[in-house]
Structures are given as structure tokens and as C-alpha cells.
């Protein structure tokens, strides 16, 4: 097939530390290979309206390696296959418009940086004939086929720092502190941050919890002299026989918003233990700020590998981390699946051996 001389790049879904590092790597690697890069703004919206894209040169990405967010903007509410849209040039089917704009911009390939939803959309475009290479991005670390996604290490690092700070105030007031972290239906952030932060109980979606078992574990700590406790709860955690806590139900192109489990656990544990109990929701603080050195390196490797796959014509693929290598996975083997914490995962078993309570 003819070599690609012009490639588009976009960021979709929720933001994550390291997005700019990928963009920088794509632009610099492509430029050194004689390939022009066009940045598409606000995810696939950049393939709808004229003027929502711009050429990116090495000069444009100088200094962005360390920055959080994304210079291209992003959105997690626009599925091009979900509905028609009205543009300045009339009403068009969203997906057909994207395909038309791809060709109108003279692009030879599309590098899509995003999570499970964005990669699923990319796979659909691949089936429509668009040459696509995906780059997995999510702080939740729930994408199948890659050991790590960039953004995960940064989120865990921040959550661990927050738990460290809560330790001191919990100990000073003899309180139980519940820390709610992100992760949707996967407990990776809660597990890693909980272990790193020395949590006494970790509640994850993969293990529906018995709140009485958690309460008894905390009462036991109180009896032997530990007058404070730390509980880390993933936003997707839920009690046995219960349901997930929702801030907002799914509607239109938006998925459900999980949240509130920390407050529910806080109220129940206060009554079950008789101790003063407080809850903290870390929320979008986990998405912000500069990426860690690990995420900067991983994102850079992902961006460079994506351009390599474009040059080799290996489309319909996603770059992935298979330590110690960066490899290619077929999108069809990745989309529509969620990587959750296996019940025999070594870190989970280690935490249980240390005495951490999971409510089971």
C-alpha cells in the first residue's frame, strides 16, 4: 500500500496525565519520518466542523511533555455513530461526516488516543475503511491487552499521597477515614493506592463486600490499640446483594456516573463502630496535574510505536505494554471487554496476607 504522508491524531474520553506526552511523541516521530501531523480538536468533533483541526509541528509540542490535560481538547460524550448532527453546512450523519472530513483533510491514517469507548469508536471507523491505530489511555487501567495504560501510575501516585495525608488527621482525631477513588468497574486504582498507602480495608468492584466484616475488622484494630483506620473504596464497589452507587444514570451518549459509595460506607461504619467517621472523594483530582516519570516514558513509547505501526501499514491495531516491550494488539480483540482485577492477582493476595480487609 502507498506510504502515509499525512496523519491525524485526536484524544477522546476522559483526560489523563500523559496525553500531551503521546501527542508530542507522535508529532516528533512522524516529523522525523517525513509525515505531516494534523491535530483534531475535541475528539471526533475535529472531524465534523471545518476549522477544528490544525497542523502540528515539533515547535508546537515543545515543552508539553510534563503538562497534564491535552492541547487538543477532549470529550467523553460524543459518539459519532449515535446520532446525526447539524453543522454549518447542513445536517449530516455524524459518522459519515467524519469519514468525509478524513478524506477532505487528505489524511492517510488516524491515531486515536483514548479509553475503551473511544477505541470502540475507532474500531467502527476502521470497519468503515479508515486506517486506524489506537493508543490506550485511562487512569482506570481497565483496557484489555495492555499491562498498563498511561495515566494509571499518575492517578495511583496522587491517591497514595492523599491517603498519606489522611493518615495524620485520622490518627490525630482517632477517626475512620474513607477515601473514594475512581476506577469505574475495575478496582485497580483502589488496590494499588490502598496497598501503597497502608489502607486497612480496600473495597473493589470485583469483590462485593459485607460491611459487617469490614466493621469487625476496624473494631478489632481499635481493641488492640490502633485508634484510627483508613478505608479505600473504589467508586464501583458495592455491598453483597446491593447495587452500585450512581451520581447520574446513563442517558443519550453518556454512560452512567458512578459515585457516592464512600458516603454510604462512611454512614454505615459510623453506626457499626461507634467511631467518628469521615469520607473524602478524590474525584477529578486523580486526572489532573503532571504525569509521573513512568507515565511520561510509557506515553512516549506508545506515541513512537503508533507512528511505527502507521509506517508499516499495520492498521486496526492498538499499541500495548507487554513488559518489557511495546507491542501491537488487534482492536477487535480489545474492544467491548474490561480488564478487572483477577481474584488471584498477586497484589490482591499479598494485601490479604498482610491482613487488609476486602469485606469477604
Protein backbone atom coordinates (compact mmCIF):
# COMPACT_ATOMS: atom_id res chain seq x y z
CA UNK A 1 0.00 0.00 0.00
CA UNK A 2 1.19 3.58 -0.58
CA UNK A 3 3.08 5.14 2.29
CA UNK A 4 1.24 7.58 4.55
CA UNK A 5 2.40 11.19 4.28
CA UNK A 6 -0.25 12.82 6.46
CA UNK A 7 -1.77 11.51 9.67
CA UNK A 8 -4.45 12.80 12.02
CA UNK A 9 -4.28 12.49 15.81
CA UNK A 10 -7.03 13.01 18.39
CA UNK A 11 -7.65 12.49 22.09
CA UNK A 12 -11.01 11.17 23.27
CA UNK A 13 -12.80 10.28 26.50
CA UNK A 14 -11.76 11.50 29.93
CA UNK A 15 -8.43 13.25 30.24
CA UNK A 16 -5.41 11.54 31.80
CA UNK A 17 -1.87 12.62 32.63
CA UNK A 18 0.34 11.70 29.68
CA UNK A 19 -1.92 12.66 26.78
CA UNK A 20 0.36 15.51 25.79
CA UNK A 21 3.37 13.20 26.02
CA UNK A 22 1.77 10.91 23.42
CA UNK A 23 0.92 13.84 21.14
CA UNK A 24 4.49 15.12 21.42
CA UNK A 25 5.94 11.69 20.59
CA UNK A 26 3.60 11.26 17.61
CA UNK A 27 4.47 14.68 16.18
CA UNK A 28 8.22 14.41 16.67
CA UNK A 29 8.47 10.81 15.43
CA UNK A 30 6.25 11.48 12.43
CA UNK A 31 8.08 14.69 11.54
CA UNK A 32 11.42 12.89 11.59
CA UNK A 33 9.88 10.32 9.22
CA UNK A 34 8.58 12.93 6.77
CA UNK A 35 4.94 12.58 7.85
CA UNK A 36 2.77 15.65 8.49
CA UNK A 37 0.56 15.55 11.59
CA UNK A 38 -2.87 17.18 11.83
CA UNK A 39 -4.26 17.60 15.34
CA UNK A 40 -8.05 17.14 15.55
CA UNK A 41 -9.72 19.13 18.30
CA UNK A 42 -12.11 17.78 20.94
CA UNK A 43 -12.02 14.13 19.94
CA UNK A 44 -14.03 13.17 16.85
CA UNK A 45 -15.63 16.62 16.84
CA UNK A 46 -12.50 17.67 14.96
CA UNK A 47 -13.72 15.60 12.03
CA UNK A 48 -17.09 17.36 11.85
CA UNK A 49 -16.64 21.12 11.62
CA UNK A 50 -14.16 22.77 9.24
CA UNK A 51 -11.54 24.68 11.17
CA UNK A 52 -11.46 22.26 14.12
CA UNK A 53 -8.04 20.94 13.17
CA UNK A 54 -4.51 22.29 12.81
CA UNK A 55 -1.12 21.14 11.62
CA UNK A 56 1.22 20.26 14.48
CA UNK A 57 4.97 20.71 14.13
CA UNK A 58 7.75 19.88 16.60
CA UNK A 59 7.71 23.53 17.60
CA UNK A 60 4.03 23.24 18.59
CA UNK A 61 4.72 20.39 21.01
CA UNK A 62 7.87 21.75 22.59
CA UNK A 63 7.52 21.86 26.37
CA UNK A 64 4.28 19.86 26.67
CA UNK A 65 5.82 16.58 27.87
CA UNK A 66 5.35 17.49 31.51
CA UNK A 67 1.86 19.00 31.17
CA UNK A 68 -1.39 17.34 32.18
CA UNK A 69 -4.54 17.58 30.09
CA UNK A 70 -4.39 17.68 26.30
CA UNK A 71 -3.58 20.53 23.93
CA UNK A 72 -6.18 19.13 21.52
CA UNK A 73 -9.08 19.05 23.97
CA UNK A 74 -11.31 16.04 24.55
CA UNK A 75 -14.86 14.96 25.22
CA UNK A 76 -16.45 11.77 26.55
CA UNK A 77 -19.97 12.46 25.30
CA UNK A 78 -19.75 12.35 21.51
CA UNK A 79 -20.21 9.00 19.80
CA UNK A 80 -20.10 9.67 16.04
CA UNK A 81 -22.31 6.65 15.39
CA UNK A 82 -25.01 7.63 17.88
CA UNK A 83 -26.86 10.46 16.16
CA UNK A 84 -26.94 12.92 13.26
CA UNK A 85 -25.71 16.47 13.87
CA UNK A 86 -26.42 19.89 12.46
CA UNK A 87 -23.33 21.67 11.16
CA UNK A 88 -22.75 24.98 9.40
CA UNK A 89 -23.02 23.04 6.13
CA UNK A 90 -26.30 21.28 6.92
CA UNK A 91 -27.46 18.12 8.69
CA UNK A 92 -25.16 15.13 8.31
CA UNK A 93 -24.86 11.69 9.77
CA UNK A 94 -22.11 12.12 12.34
CA UNK A 95 -20.08 9.06 11.29
CA UNK A 96 -20.42 9.69 7.56
CA UNK A 97 -19.37 13.29 8.12
CA UNK A 98 -16.24 12.10 9.94
CA UNK A 99 -15.30 9.79 7.07
CA UNK A 100 -15.85 12.57 4.55
CA UNK A 101 -13.78 15.05 6.57
CA UNK A 102 -10.99 12.49 6.98
CA UNK A 103 -10.66 12.32 3.19
CA UNK A 104 -11.21 16.05 2.71
CA UNK A 105 -8.26 16.75 5.03
CA UNK A 106 -6.12 14.42 2.92
CA UNK A 107 -5.29 12.13 5.84
CA UNK A 108 -3.76 8.73 5.22
CA UNK A 109 -4.28 7.36 8.73
CA UNK A 110 -5.76 8.24 12.11
CA UNK A 111 -4.09 7.81 15.50
CA UNK A 112 -6.78 7.65 18.18
CA UNK A 113 -5.75 8.13 21.80
CA UNK A 114 -8.48 7.08 24.22
CA UNK A 115 -10.11 4.59 26.54
CA UNK A 116 -12.48 1.72 25.91
CA UNK A 117 -15.29 3.85 24.49
CA UNK A 118 -13.03 5.86 22.18
CA UNK A 119 -11.21 2.76 20.97
CA UNK A 120 -14.56 1.09 20.23
CA UNK A 121 -15.48 4.08 18.06
CA UNK A 122 -12.07 3.87 16.37
CA UNK A 123 -12.70 0.20 15.60
CA UNK A 124 -16.02 1.11 13.98
CA UNK A 125 -14.27 3.67 11.79
CA UNK A 126 -11.68 1.05 10.92
CA UNK A 127 -14.52 -1.15 9.70
CA UNK A 128 -15.66 1.81 7.58
CA UNK A 129 -12.30 1.86 5.82
CA UNK A 130 -10.38 4.41 7.89
CA UNK A 131 -6.80 3.24 8.61
CA UNK A 132 -6.65 3.44 12.42
CA UNK A 133 -4.02 2.89 15.11
CA UNK A 134 -5.20 3.13 18.72
CA UNK A 135 -3.33 4.27 21.82
CA UNK A 136 -4.85 3.07 25.13
CA UNK A 137 -5.47 5.78 27.68
CA UNK A 138 -7.24 5.54 31.01
CA UNK A 139 -6.42 6.13 34.65
CA UNK A 140 -8.67 3.13 35.40
CA UNK A 141 -6.17 0.69 33.78
CA UNK A 142 -9.10 -1.43 32.58
CA UNK A 143 -8.21 -1.88 28.89
CA UNK A 144 -7.63 -5.48 27.83
CA UNK A 145 -4.35 -6.40 26.19
CA UNK A 146 -2.03 -3.95 27.92
CA UNK A 147 -0.44 -4.37 31.34
CA UNK A 148 -0.50 -0.62 31.95
CA UNK A 149 -2.23 2.38 30.44
CA UNK A 150 -0.56 5.75 30.86
CA UNK A 151 -2.36 7.87 33.43
CA UNK A 152 -2.82 4.97 35.83
CA UNK A 153 0.51 5.42 37.61
CA UNK A 154 -0.14 9.16 37.99
CA UNK A 155 -3.60 8.54 39.46
CA UNK A 156 -2.26 5.96 41.90
CA UNK A 157 0.56 8.29 42.88
CA UNK A 158 -1.86 11.10 43.70
CA UNK A 159 -4.29 8.82 45.55
CA UNK A 160 -1.42 7.42 47.61
CA UNK A 161 -0.30 10.92 48.53
CA UNK A 162 -3.85 11.78 49.60
CA UNK A 163 -4.05 8.66 51.78
CA UNK A 164 -0.71 9.58 53.38
CA UNK A 165 -2.13 12.98 54.32
CA UNK A 166 -5.34 11.49 55.67
CA UNK A 167 -3.36 9.14 57.90
CA UNK A 168 -2.13 12.03 60.03
CA UNK A 169 -5.53 13.63 60.58
CA UNK A 170 -7.18 10.24 61.16
CA UNK A 171 -4.60 9.35 63.79
CA UNK A 172 -4.81 12.74 65.47
CA UNK A 173 -8.61 12.52 65.89
CA UNK A 174 -8.91 8.72 66.28
CA UNK A 175 -11.17 8.63 63.26
CA UNK A 176 -12.04 6.26 60.47
CA UNK A 177 -11.36 7.88 57.10
CA UNK A 178 -12.99 6.55 53.92
CA UNK A 179 -11.27 7.54 50.66
CA UNK A 180 -13.33 7.12 47.47
CA UNK A 181 -11.24 6.75 44.33
CA UNK A 182 -12.04 6.42 40.63
CA UNK A 183 -11.83 3.28 38.52
CA UNK A 184 -15.40 2.66 37.32
CA UNK A 185 -15.99 -1.11 37.32
CA UNK A 186 -12.35 -2.05 37.93
CA UNK A 187 -10.54 -1.84 41.25
CA UNK A 188 -7.00 -1.23 40.06
CA UNK A 189 -6.60 2.28 41.49
CA UNK A 190 -8.14 1.31 44.83
CA UNK A 191 -5.99 -1.81 45.11
CA UNK A 192 -2.67 -0.19 44.21
CA UNK A 193 -3.22 3.06 46.11
CA UNK A 194 -4.69 1.21 49.07
CA UNK A 195 -1.69 -1.08 49.40
CA UNK A 196 0.78 1.74 48.78
CA UNK A 197 -0.99 3.95 51.33
CA UNK A 198 -1.28 1.28 54.01
CA UNK A 199 -5.09 1.08 53.99
CA UNK A 200 -6.75 -1.22 56.50
CA UNK A 201 -9.68 -2.08 54.21
CA UNK A 202 -9.99 -1.89 50.43
CA UNK A 203 -13.34 -2.20 48.70
CA UNK A 204 -13.28 -3.04 44.99
CA UNK A 205 -15.99 -3.89 42.42
CA UNK A 206 -14.58 -7.37 41.87
CA UNK A 207 -15.40 -8.36 45.48
CA UNK A 208 -18.90 -7.40 46.69
CA UNK A 209 -18.33 -6.57 50.35
CA UNK A 210 -20.01 -7.47 53.63
CA UNK A 211 -19.95 -4.22 55.57
CA UNK A 212 -20.21 -6.07 58.89
CA UNK A 213 -16.95 -7.89 58.14
CA UNK A 214 -15.32 -4.54 57.42
CA UNK A 215 -16.71 -3.06 60.64
CA UNK A 216 -15.49 -6.01 62.70
CA UNK A 217 -12.02 -5.66 61.23
CA UNK A 218 -11.92 -2.00 62.24
CA UNK A 219 -13.32 -2.75 65.73
CA UNK A 220 -10.56 -5.35 66.14
CA UNK A 221 -7.96 -2.72 65.30
CA UNK A 222 -9.48 -0.46 67.94
CA UNK A 223 -9.31 -3.21 70.55
CA UNK A 224 -5.61 -3.85 70.09
CA UNK A 225 -4.76 -0.17 70.23
CA UNK A 226 -4.94 1.21 66.70
CA UNK A 227 -7.40 4.03 67.30
CA UNK A 228 -7.75 5.05 63.64
CA UNK A 229 -8.34 3.29 60.34
CA UNK A 230 -8.17 4.01 56.62
CA UNK A 231 -10.67 2.52 54.17
CA UNK A 232 -10.19 2.90 50.39
CA UNK A 233 -13.34 2.41 48.31
CA UNK A 234 -13.41 2.20 44.52
CA UNK A 235 -16.32 4.18 43.08
CA UNK A 236 -17.69 0.97 41.57
CA UNK A 237 -17.60 -1.04 44.79
CA UNK A 238 -20.93 -2.31 46.11
CA UNK A 239 -22.22 -4.43 49.02
CA UNK A 240 -23.26 -8.06 48.73
CA UNK A 241 -26.81 -8.19 47.49
CA UNK A 242 -26.71 -4.44 46.79
CA UNK A 243 -26.19 -2.17 43.82
CA UNK A 244 -23.68 0.38 42.58
CA UNK A 245 -23.97 3.96 43.81
CA UNK A 246 -24.82 6.34 40.99
CA UNK A 247 -24.48 10.09 40.72
CA UNK A 248 -26.22 10.06 37.36
CA UNK A 249 -27.83 7.35 35.27
CA UNK A 250 -26.78 6.72 31.67
CA UNK A 251 -28.52 8.92 29.12
CA UNK A 252 -28.03 9.64 25.43
CA UNK A 253 -24.37 9.23 24.52
CA UNK A 254 -23.28 9.46 28.17
CA UNK A 255 -22.53 6.44 30.32
CA UNK A 256 -23.60 6.24 33.95
CA UNK A 257 -21.65 8.26 36.52
CA UNK A 258 -20.60 6.19 39.49
CA UNK A 259 -20.06 7.76 42.89
CA UNK A 260 -21.34 8.04 46.43
CA UNK A 261 -20.19 4.70 47.81
CA UNK A 262 -17.74 6.46 50.14
CA UNK A 263 -20.54 8.38 51.86
CA UNK A 264 -22.68 5.23 52.16
CA UNK A 265 -19.83 3.26 53.71
CA UNK A 266 -18.99 6.18 55.99
CA UNK A 267 -22.50 6.37 57.41
CA UNK A 268 -22.76 2.62 57.95
CA UNK A 269 -19.35 2.27 59.59
CA UNK A 270 -20.02 5.18 61.93
CA UNK A 271 -23.04 3.36 63.32
CA UNK A 272 -21.37 -0.07 63.35
CA UNK A 273 -18.17 1.02 65.11
CA UNK A 274 -19.28 3.99 67.20
CA UNK A 275 -16.26 5.91 65.95
CA UNK A 276 -16.15 9.33 64.37
CA UNK A 277 -16.03 8.70 60.64
CA UNK A 278 -15.37 10.94 57.65
CA UNK A 279 -15.32 10.38 53.88
CA UNK A 280 -13.29 12.07 51.16
CA UNK A 281 -13.93 11.84 47.41
CA UNK A 282 -10.77 12.40 45.37
CA UNK A 283 -12.69 12.66 42.11
CA UNK A 284 -11.11 14.51 39.21
CA UNK A 285 -8.03 15.41 41.24
CA UNK A 286 -6.82 11.98 40.12
CA UNK A 287 -6.99 13.08 36.47
CA UNK A 288 -5.18 16.39 36.83
CA UNK A 289 -1.62 17.50 37.17
CA UNK A 290 1.66 16.45 35.64
CA UNK A 291 2.24 12.80 34.69
CA UNK A 292 4.73 10.75 36.68
CA UNK A 293 8.04 9.83 35.09
CA UNK A 294 6.70 6.31 34.44
CA UNK A 295 3.68 7.66 32.57
CA UNK A 296 5.81 10.12 30.59
CA UNK A 297 8.05 7.31 29.39
CA UNK A 298 5.17 4.92 28.68
CA UNK A 299 3.21 7.58 26.79
CA UNK A 300 6.29 8.49 24.76
CA UNK A 301 6.88 4.86 23.85
CA UNK A 302 3.21 4.48 22.89
CA UNK A 303 3.34 7.54 20.61
CA UNK A 304 6.51 6.39 18.89
CA UNK A 305 5.15 2.88 18.39
CA UNK A 306 1.89 4.24 16.95
CA UNK A 307 3.80 6.08 14.22
CA UNK A 308 5.85 2.95 13.56
CA UNK A 309 2.63 0.95 13.02
CA UNK A 310 1.35 3.66 10.65
CA UNK A 311 4.56 3.49 8.63
CA UNK A 312 4.31 -0.31 8.46
CA UNK A 313 0.65 -0.19 7.46
CA UNK A 314 -0.45 -2.22 10.49
CA UNK A 315 -3.91 -0.71 10.94
CA UNK A 316 -6.81 -1.88 13.04
CA UNK A 317 -4.33 -2.22 15.89
CA UNK A 318 -3.66 -0.77 19.33
CA UNK A 319 -0.26 -0.26 20.92
CA UNK A 320 0.13 -2.09 24.22
CA UNK A 321 2.59 -2.56 27.07
CA UNK A 322 3.70 -6.18 27.38
CA UNK A 323 6.70 -5.76 29.71
CA UNK A 324 9.35 -5.07 28.74
CA UNK A 325 8.09 -4.46 25.20
CA UNK A 326 5.60 -2.22 23.41
CA UNK A 327 3.60 -4.43 21.05
CA UNK A 328 0.57 -4.28 18.76
CA UNK A 329 -2.82 -5.79 19.58
CA UNK A 330 -5.78 -6.18 17.23
CA UNK A 331 -8.56 -3.74 18.10
CA UNK A 332 -11.11 -6.47 17.52
CA UNK A 333 -9.52 -8.43 20.38
CA UNK A 334 -9.68 -5.45 22.74
CA UNK A 335 -12.92 -3.51 22.32
CA UNK A 336 -16.02 -4.44 24.24
CA UNK A 337 -14.01 -6.00 27.08
CA UNK A 338 -12.97 -4.79 30.52
CA UNK A 339 -9.81 -5.78 32.36
CA UNK A 340 -10.77 -6.21 36.00
CA UNK A 341 -8.66 -7.31 38.96
CA UNK A 342 -8.33 -11.13 38.95
CA UNK A 343 -9.17 -12.68 42.30
CA UNK A 344 -5.81 -14.48 42.20
CA UNK A 345 -3.82 -11.34 41.38
CA UNK A 346 -0.58 -11.36 43.33
CA UNK A 347 -1.07 -7.90 44.84
CA UNK A 348 -4.58 -8.78 45.97
CA UNK A 349 -3.32 -11.96 47.61
CA UNK A 350 -0.41 -10.09 49.19
CA UNK A 351 -2.78 -7.49 50.64
CA UNK A 352 -4.96 -10.22 52.14
CA UNK A 353 -1.88 -11.90 53.59
CA UNK A 354 -0.99 -8.59 55.25
CA UNK A 355 -4.41 -8.52 56.90
CA UNK A 356 -6.12 -5.97 54.66
CA UNK A 357 -9.88 -6.48 54.74
CA UNK A 358 -11.80 -6.70 51.43
CA UNK A 359 -15.15 -7.37 53.04
CA UNK A 360 -15.23 -11.01 52.02
